[in-house]
Amino acid sequence: MQPLELRRVAGAIVALFLLGGAGAGVGALEPGATRATMRVIFDSVRTLLTFSVKDQGFRDPSRQDRVIDALNELGDQAAMLSEHAAADDVGSAFLASSLERYAVLTLRNYEWGRFERLPALVYQTTEICVACHTRLPARADSPLAEDFIDSDTVETLPAYRRAKVQAATRRFDDALATLEALLASRRIDPVRAVDAARLYLSISLRVKSDVERPVPILNALAQRGDLPRALREDVASWVSALQRLRDWPPSGAPPDAARTLIEDAARRLPRERSALVHYIAASGLLHRYTGAAQPGARSAELAEAYYLLGVAEYRSHADDWLPQAELYLEYAIRLAPDAPSAARAYELLEQKVLLGYGVGNASELPQELRDHLQKLASIIARS
């Protein structure tokens, strides 16, 4: 499955999720139940990843029952997480819904015998886990995956994919070490360097709240003569931004600090990529703020926080296949359609959707999405 096709599948997921009512949960699971659910999800992902790198992979008929059981368990447990997400936890509910749909999509491709597509789809499920687990601070790495991370299954993966699996299974220190080795390797593709740095900064800033550890790693990267000059300049901008982030996270109101970071990036930095630290740091603050909002809270301030979160996600993941930016921008509109942020959110949302589908005009989008955008525009116009 090609990247554009994956983005279109993800676009359909976000449209269906939002059409069905974002965050329409029925109450959060108890912590013990959540841990049990996450254990089943981990076991399912471990089984699927193991088969994706073994000889014959998913083609071996002797593995059929285990593959089907793992995919069914993954879908069922993800559906449970989505159903019981707190009404205001739109991010968690969407990511759980995405995980469920990708489990179903993977199962259908397995049943249809499209074995060549399965490793990519399984990897996409780990990407969804990464997106969820790198949003908020974590007190410690999960012990669940310790043996799996040290296994041959993970060690045989390319470094960047290995780091993704480590982050997906909440082995953040392992992921940071893998990414540091990758960024210091003798040869590294510039595109892969940016991807690795983005994940590295997301874990460092949002999960670990650590602005010091990345500095020497990125300083060394900025000195490499084998990377394009523009990239070296961008990395130097990241280092400067990290050095200015004193007493992280700040003690003031998170939306104000995030807004300052985003406005500073737009004013001072010539390229979006050079502002990567600004946008990742801002998104970390906003994830914490929106996640701590009272259930059912609706205000212009909260709507603006979701709008800013959409901006930060868009600018830091401009080509990301998982449409979190669209989710937050739409939620900002629905929370306060009469707020000043609503029109800005709609403009950026439409731009992002068009880019994701590779078209220049809304008339070229699928009818369902065209209708959905028109509905949002009408909500704003009536407010």
Protein backbone atom coordinates (compact mmCIF):
# COMPACT_ATOMS: atom_id res chain seq x y z
CA MET A 1 0.00 0.00 0.00
CA GLN A 2 1.54 3.32 -1.11
CA PRO A 3 1.82 6.43 1.15
CA LEU A 4 -0.91 8.35 -0.71
CA GLU A 5 -3.25 5.37 -0.45
CA LEU A 6 -2.52 5.14 3.27
CA ARG A 7 -3.26 8.84 3.69
CA ARG A 8 -6.56 8.38 1.86
CA VAL A 9 -7.48 5.49 4.13
CA ALA A 10 -6.58 7.64 7.13
CA GLY A 11 -8.58 10.54 5.71
CA ALA A 12 -11.59 8.28 5.45
CA ILE A 13 -11.03 7.19 9.05
CA VAL A 14 -11.03 10.74 10.40
CA ALA A 15 -14.10 11.64 8.33
CA LEU A 16 -16.06 8.65 9.56
CA PHE A 17 -14.93 9.22 13.13
CA LEU A 18 -15.97 12.85 13.12
CA LEU A 19 -19.21 12.19 11.29
CA GLY A 20 -20.02 9.71 14.03
CA GLY A 21 -19.38 12.25 16.77
CA ALA A 22 -15.90 12.88 18.06
CA GLY A 23 -15.32 11.83 21.62
CA ALA A 24 -18.82 10.46 22.16
CA GLY A 25 -17.64 8.12 24.89
CA VAL A 26 -19.59 6.31 27.57
CA GLY A 27 -17.18 6.76 30.45
CA ALA A 28 -13.55 5.95 31.08
CA LEU A 29 -12.29 2.47 31.89
CA GLU A 30 -10.91 1.84 35.35
CA PRO A 31 -7.08 1.93 35.44
CA GLY A 32 -6.84 -1.81 36.01
CA ALA A 33 -9.11 -2.52 33.05
CA THR A 34 -7.09 -0.13 30.89
CA ARG A 35 -3.85 -1.91 31.80
CA ALA A 36 -5.42 -5.28 30.97
CA THR A 37 -6.64 -3.94 27.63
CA MET A 38 -3.21 -2.51 26.80
CA ARG A 39 -1.60 -5.84 27.66
CA VAL A 40 -3.84 -7.65 25.16
CA ILE A 41 -3.12 -4.99 22.52
CA PHE A 42 0.61 -5.37 23.15
CA ASP A 43 0.44 -9.16 22.89
CA SER A 44 -1.46 -8.87 19.60
CA VAL A 45 0.98 -6.36 18.11
CA ARG A 46 3.93 -8.49 19.24
CA THR A 47 2.50 -11.53 17.47
CA LEU A 48 1.88 -9.60 14.26
CA LEU A 49 5.30 -7.93 14.25
CA THR A 50 6.99 -11.27 14.84
CA PHE A 51 5.25 -12.83 11.85
CA SER A 52 5.93 -9.78 9.67
CA VAL A 53 9.72 -10.36 9.83
CA LYS A 54 9.80 -14.18 9.80
CA ASP A 55 10.39 -16.37 6.76
CA GLN A 56 7.14 -16.88 4.85
CA GLY A 57 5.65 -14.21 7.08
CA PHE A 58 1.88 -14.30 6.86
CA ARG A 59 1.90 -16.79 4.00
CA ASP A 60 2.51 -19.78 6.27
CA PRO A 61 -0.91 -21.50 6.62
CA SER A 62 0.12 -22.98 9.98
CA ARG A 63 0.02 -19.45 11.42
CA GLN A 64 -3.49 -18.64 10.19
CA ASP A 65 -5.32 -19.15 13.48
CA ARG A 66 -2.79 -17.09 15.45
CA VAL A 67 -2.87 -14.25 12.92
CA ILE A 68 -6.67 -14.09 12.86
CA ASP A 69 -6.89 -14.30 16.66
CA ALA A 70 -4.32 -11.51 17.06
CA LEU A 71 -6.10 -9.23 14.60
CA ASN A 72 -9.51 -9.88 16.15
CA GLU A 73 -8.16 -9.24 19.66
CA LEU A 74 -6.45 -6.06 18.49
CA GLY A 75 -9.64 -4.74 16.91
CA ASP A 76 -11.85 -5.71 19.86
CA GLN A 77 -9.60 -4.14 22.48
CA ALA A 78 -9.08 -0.97 20.44
CA ALA A 79 -12.86 -0.68 20.06
CA MET A 80 -13.22 -0.97 23.82
CA LEU A 81 -10.70 1.83 24.36
CA SER A 82 -12.47 4.03 21.83
CA GLU A 83 -15.94 3.33 23.26
CA HIS A 84 -14.91 4.12 26.80
CA ALA A 85 -12.73 7.15 26.06
CA ALA A 86 -13.75 10.11 28.19
CA ALA A 87 -16.13 12.42 26.35
CA ASP A 88 -13.53 15.18 26.14
CA ASP A 89 -10.56 12.94 25.26
CA VAL A 90 -11.00 13.31 21.54
CA GLY A 91 -7.38 12.45 20.74
CA SER A 92 -7.36 9.12 22.56
CA ALA A 93 -10.77 8.17 21.16
CA PHE A 94 -9.69 8.93 17.60
CA LEU A 95 -6.41 7.02 17.85
CA ALA A 96 -8.16 4.00 19.38
CA SER A 97 -10.76 4.16 16.60
CA SER A 98 -7.96 4.32 14.02
CA LEU A 99 -6.27 1.30 15.58
CA GLU A 100 -9.53 -0.64 15.41
CA ARG A 101 -10.07 0.23 11.75
CA TYR A 102 -6.51 -0.69 10.78
CA ALA A 103 -6.89 -4.02 12.56
CA VAL A 104 -10.01 -4.68 10.48
CA LEU A 105 -8.27 -3.48 7.30
CA THR A 106 -5.31 -5.77 7.98
CA LEU A 107 -7.61 -8.73 8.67
CA ARG A 108 -9.50 -8.16 5.41
CA ASN A 109 -6.24 -8.04 3.43
CA TYR A 110 -5.12 -11.25 5.13
CA GLU A 111 -8.39 -12.98 4.27
CA TRP A 112 -8.09 -11.77 0.66
CA GLY A 113 -4.57 -13.18 0.40
CA ARG A 114 -2.88 -9.80 -0.10
CA PHE A 115 0.11 -10.90 1.94
CA GLU A 116 2.49 -8.36 0.42
CA ARG A 117 0.47 -5.54 2.02
CA LEU A 118 0.42 -6.95 5.53
CA PRO A 119 3.87 -5.90 6.84
CA ALA A 120 3.16 -2.26 5.92
CA LEU A 121 -0.27 -2.39 7.55
CA VAL A 122 1.12 -3.96 10.71
CA TYR A 123 3.76 -1.24 10.82
CA GLN A 124 1.00 1.36 10.50
CA THR A 125 -0.63 -0.04 13.64
CA THR A 126 2.61 0.59 15.52
CA GLU A 127 2.63 4.15 14.14
CA ILE A 128 -0.80 4.70 15.70
CA CYS A 129 0.53 3.45 19.03
CA VAL A 130 3.50 5.82 18.72
CA ALA A 131 1.19 8.76 18.05
CA CYS A 132 -0.80 7.95 21.19
CA HIS A 133 2.09 7.18 23.52
CA THR A 134 4.25 10.19 22.62
CA ARG A 135 1.58 12.83 23.34
CA LEU A 136 1.92 13.04 27.12
CA PRO A 137 4.58 12.65 29.83
CA ALA A 138 5.40 9.15 31.06
CA ARG A 139 6.82 8.47 34.49
CA ALA A 140 8.68 5.31 33.51
CA ASP A 141 9.12 2.84 30.69
CA SER A 142 6.71 -0.08 30.52
CA PRO A 143 8.13 -3.40 31.75
CA LEU A 144 5.75 -5.34 29.49
CA ALA A 145 7.91 -5.08 26.39
CA GLU A 146 11.37 -5.49 27.91
CA ASP A 147 11.94 -9.06 26.69
CA PHE A 148 10.31 -8.36 23.33
CA ILE A 149 12.49 -5.28 22.69
CA ASP A 150 15.61 -7.39 23.29
CA SER A 151 14.39 -10.15 20.97
CA ASP A 152 15.68 -10.99 17.50
CA THR A 153 12.37 -9.81 16.04
CA VAL A 154 13.08 -6.21 17.02
CA GLU A 155 16.85 -6.30 16.63
CA THR A 156 16.55 -7.29 12.97
CA LEU A 157 14.48 -4.21 12.13
CA PRO A 158 16.13 -1.14 10.55
CA ALA A 159 17.08 1.39 13.23
CA TYR A 160 14.26 3.86 12.61
CA ARG A 161 11.59 1.17 12.57
CA ARG A 162 13.13 -0.36 15.67
CA ALA A 163 12.83 2.99 17.44
CA LYS A 164 9.18 3.23 16.36
CA VAL A 165 8.45 -0.21 17.82
CA GLN A 166 10.25 0.75 21.02
CA ALA A 167 8.18 3.92 21.33
CA ALA A 168 4.98 2.05 20.45
CA THR A 169 5.63 -0.36 23.33
CA ARG A 170 6.53 2.49 25.71
CA ARG A 171 10.24 1.66 25.87
CA PHE A 172 11.18 5.31 25.54
CA ASP A 173 14.75 5.12 26.84
CA ASP A 174 15.45 2.33 24.38
CA ALA A 175 13.93 4.41 21.58
CA LEU A 176 16.05 7.45 22.47
CA ALA A 177 19.22 5.34 22.50
CA THR A 178 18.36 3.81 19.12
CA LEU A 179 17.65 7.22 17.60
CA GLU A 180 20.85 8.70 19.02
CA ALA A 181 22.86 5.91 17.42
CA LEU A 182 21.02 6.43 14.13
CA LEU A 183 21.64 10.19 14.12
CA ALA A 184 25.34 9.56 14.84
CA SER A 185 25.75 6.81 12.22
CA ARG A 186 28.41 7.22 9.53
CA ARG A 187 25.86 7.46 6.76
CA ILE A 188 22.33 8.73 7.08
CA ASP A 189 19.80 9.78 4.49
CA PRO A 190 18.72 13.42 5.01
CA VAL A 191 15.02 12.52 4.92
CA ARG A 192 15.55 9.75 7.45
CA ALA A 193 17.57 12.16 9.61
CA VAL A 194 14.60 14.56 9.79
CA ASP A 195 12.17 11.74 10.58
CA ALA A 196 14.46 10.39 13.29
CA ALA A 197 15.00 13.84 14.78
CA ARG A 198 11.25 14.51 14.82
CA LEU A 199 10.58 11.33 16.81
CA TYR A 200 13.60 11.99 19.02
CA LEU A 201 12.38 15.48 19.88
CA SER A 202 8.80 14.30 20.43
CA ILE A 203 9.95 11.77 23.01
CA SER A 204 12.46 14.14 24.60
CA LEU A 205 10.11 17.12 24.93
CA ARG A 206 6.64 15.63 25.26
CA VAL A 207 7.33 12.35 27.07
CA LYS A 208 10.52 13.06 29.03
CA SER A 209 10.25 16.88 29.40
CA ASP A 210 14.00 16.95 28.73
CA VAL A 211 15.43 19.89 26.78
CA GLU A 212 19.08 19.15 27.62
CA ARG A 213 19.70 15.61 26.37
CA PRO A 214 19.04 16.39 22.68
CA VAL A 215 21.46 19.35 22.53
CA PRO A 216 24.80 17.50 22.09
CA ILE A 217 23.23 14.97 19.72
CA LEU A 218 21.79 17.67 17.49
CA ASN A 219 24.93 19.82 17.77
CA ALA A 220 26.92 16.95 16.30
CA LEU A 221 24.31 16.49 13.56
CA ALA A 222 24.53 20.18 12.64
CA GLN A 223 28.29 19.83 12.13
CA ARG A 224 28.07 16.99 9.60
CA GLY A 225 29.41 17.91 6.19
CA ASP A 226 27.53 15.09 4.45
CA LEU A 227 24.13 16.68 5.06
CA PRO A 228 22.63 19.48 2.93
CA ARG A 229 23.41 22.99 4.13
CA ALA A 230 19.73 23.86 4.60
CA LEU A 231 19.25 20.86 6.88
CA ARG A 232 22.34 21.74 8.93
CA GLU A 233 20.95 25.25 9.38
CA ASP A 234 17.61 23.84 10.48
CA VAL A 235 19.27 21.57 13.02
CA ALA A 236 21.23 24.55 14.37
CA SER A 237 17.89 26.35 14.79
CA TRP A 238 16.60 23.38 16.79
CA VAL A 239 19.61 23.56 19.10
CA SER A 240 19.12 27.31 19.63
CA ALA A 241 15.44 26.78 20.39
CA LEU A 242 16.21 24.04 22.92
CA GLN A 243 18.73 26.26 24.67
CA ARG A 244 16.09 28.99 25.01
CA LEU A 245 13.54 26.63 26.59
CA ARG A 246 14.52 27.24 30.21
CA ASP A 247 12.63 25.67 33.12
CA TRP A 248 10.72 23.32 30.85
CA PRO A 249 7.79 22.93 30.97
CA PRO A 250 6.91 26.55 31.82
CA SER A 251 4.83 27.30 34.90
CA GLY A 252 2.39 29.71 33.20
CA ALA A 253 -0.82 28.97 31.32
CA PRO A 254 -0.03 26.31 28.68
CA PRO A 255 -2.12 27.90 25.88
CA ASP A 256 -0.33 31.23 26.32
CA ALA A 257 3.11 29.60 26.24
CA ALA A 258 2.13 27.49 23.22
CA ARG A 259 0.75 30.52 21.38
CA THR A 260 4.00 32.39 22.02
CA LEU A 261 6.04 29.51 20.61
CA ILE A 262 3.88 29.24 17.49
CA GLU A 263 3.89 33.00 16.87
CA ASP A 264 7.65 33.14 17.44
CA ALA A 265 8.16 30.36 14.90
CA ALA A 266 6.05 32.13 12.28
CA ARG A 267 7.84 35.44 12.87
CA ARG A 268 11.49 34.41 13.20
CA LEU A 269 12.09 31.19 11.30
CA PRO A 270 12.07 31.09 7.49
CA ARG A 271 11.20 27.42 7.05
CA GLU A 272 8.64 25.31 8.90
CA ARG A 273 11.24 22.60 9.36
CA SER A 274 13.55 25.03 11.16
CA ALA A 275 10.75 25.60 13.72
CA LEU A 276 10.32 21.92 14.55
CA VAL A 277 11.26 22.36 18.22
CA HIS A 278 8.78 25.23 18.58
CA TYR A 279 5.88 23.19 17.19
CA ILE A 280 6.68 19.98 19.07
CA ALA A 281 7.10 21.87 22.34
CA ALA A 282 3.84 23.76 21.75
CA SER A 283 1.95 20.56 20.95
CA GLY A 284 3.23 18.96 24.15
CA LEU A 285 1.88 21.84 26.23
CA LEU A 286 -1.45 21.75 24.42
CA HIS A 287 -1.87 17.98 24.74
CA ARG A 288 -1.44 18.33 28.50
CA TYR A 289 -3.88 21.24 28.67
CA THR A 290 -6.64 19.70 26.55
CA GLY A 291 -6.22 16.34 28.25
CA ALA A 292 -6.78 17.96 31.65
CA ALA A 293 -9.95 19.82 30.59
CA GLN A 294 -13.10 19.07 32.54
CA PRO A 295 -15.49 16.61 30.84
CA GLY A 296 -17.93 18.48 28.65
CA ALA A 297 -16.01 21.75 28.86
CA ARG A 298 -16.84 24.14 26.03
CA SER A 299 -15.25 27.56 25.76
CA ALA A 300 -13.54 29.86 23.31
CA GLU A 301 -10.30 29.35 25.24
CA LEU A 302 -10.45 25.57 24.93
CA ALA A 303 -11.42 25.86 21.27
CA GLU A 304 -8.40 28.04 20.61
CA ALA A 305 -6.20 25.50 22.38
CA TYR A 306 -7.45 22.81 20.00
CA TYR A 307 -6.93 25.17 17.05
CA LEU A 308 -3.34 25.82 18.15
CA LEU A 309 -2.84 22.08 18.64
CA GLY A 310 -4.03 21.53 15.08
CA VAL A 311 -1.56 24.16 13.85
CA ALA A 312 1.32 22.62 15.80
CA GLU A 313 0.54 19.09 14.60
CA TYR A 314 0.17 20.28 11.00
CA ARG A 315 3.44 22.21 11.00
CA SER A 316 5.46 19.49 12.70
CA HIS A 317 3.93 16.63 10.68
CA ALA A 318 3.06 18.33 7.39
CA ASP A 319 3.12 15.03 5.44
CA ASP A 320 1.92 12.75 8.23
CA TRP A 321 -0.49 10.05 7.03
CA LEU A 322 -2.39 9.95 10.35
CA PRO A 323 -4.67 13.00 10.28
CA GLN A 324 -4.50 14.25 13.85
CA ALA A 325 -4.27 17.89 12.74
CA GLU A 326 -7.62 17.58 10.94
CA LEU A 327 -9.17 16.12 14.06
CA TYR A 328 -8.09 18.95 16.34
CA LEU A 329 -8.98 21.66 13.84
CA GLU A 330 -12.50 20.31 13.41
CA TYR A 331 -12.95 19.89 17.14
CA ALA A 332 -11.96 23.54 17.58
CA ILE A 333 -14.73 24.53 15.16
CA ARG A 334 -17.36 22.39 16.87
CA LEU A 335 -16.44 23.56 20.38
CA ALA A 336 -16.90 27.25 19.60
CA PRO A 337 -18.03 27.97 16.01
CA ASP A 338 -18.53 31.64 16.87
CA ALA A 339 -14.99 32.07 18.23
CA PRO A 340 -12.35 33.90 16.15
CA SER A 341 -10.34 30.68 15.93
CA ALA A 342 -13.13 28.81 14.09
CA ALA A 343 -12.63 30.48 10.70
CA ARG A 344 -8.86 30.06 10.93
CA ALA A 345 -9.31 26.42 11.88
CA TYR A 346 -11.60 25.81 8.89
CA GLU A 347 -9.17 27.44 6.45
CA LEU A 348 -6.28 25.31 7.66
CA LEU A 349 -8.44 22.17 7.81
CA GLU A 350 -9.52 22.55 4.19
CA GLN A 351 -5.92 23.15 3.14
CA LYS A 352 -4.73 20.04 5.00
CA VAL A 353 -7.46 17.81 3.55
CA LEU A 354 -6.72 18.97 0.00
CA LEU A 355 -3.03 18.32 0.52
CA GLY A 356 -3.69 14.88 1.98
CA TYR A 357 -5.73 13.86 -1.05
CA GLY A 358 -3.31 15.45 -3.49
CA VAL A 359 -5.95 17.66 -5.13
CA GLY A 360 -6.20 21.40 -5.66
CA ASN A 361 -9.91 21.97 -5.25
CA ALA A 362 -12.61 20.75 -2.87
CA SER A 363 -14.71 19.65 -5.86
CA GLU A 364 -12.16 16.86 -6.44
CA LEU A 365 -12.63 15.37 -2.98
CA PRO A 366 -14.90 12.37 -2.30
CA GLN A 367 -18.52 13.44 -1.97
CA GLU A 368 -18.65 12.48 1.70
CA LEU A 369 -15.76 14.77 2.55
CA ARG A 370 -17.14 17.63 0.42
CA ASP A 371 -20.42 17.41 2.29
CA HIS A 372 -18.60 17.28 5.59
CA LEU A 373 -16.56 20.41 4.89
CA GLN A 374 -19.69 22.21 3.72
CA LYS A 375 -21.43 21.25 6.94
CA LEU A 376 -18.60 22.75 8.97
CA ALA A 377 -18.68 25.95 6.92
CA SER A 378 -22.43 26.19 7.55
CA ILE A 379 -21.94 25.73 11.30
CA ILE A 380 -19.55 28.69 11.34
CA ALA A 381 -21.80 30.81 9.11
CA ARG A 382 -24.83 30.27 11.38
CA SER A 383 -22.95 31.21 14.56
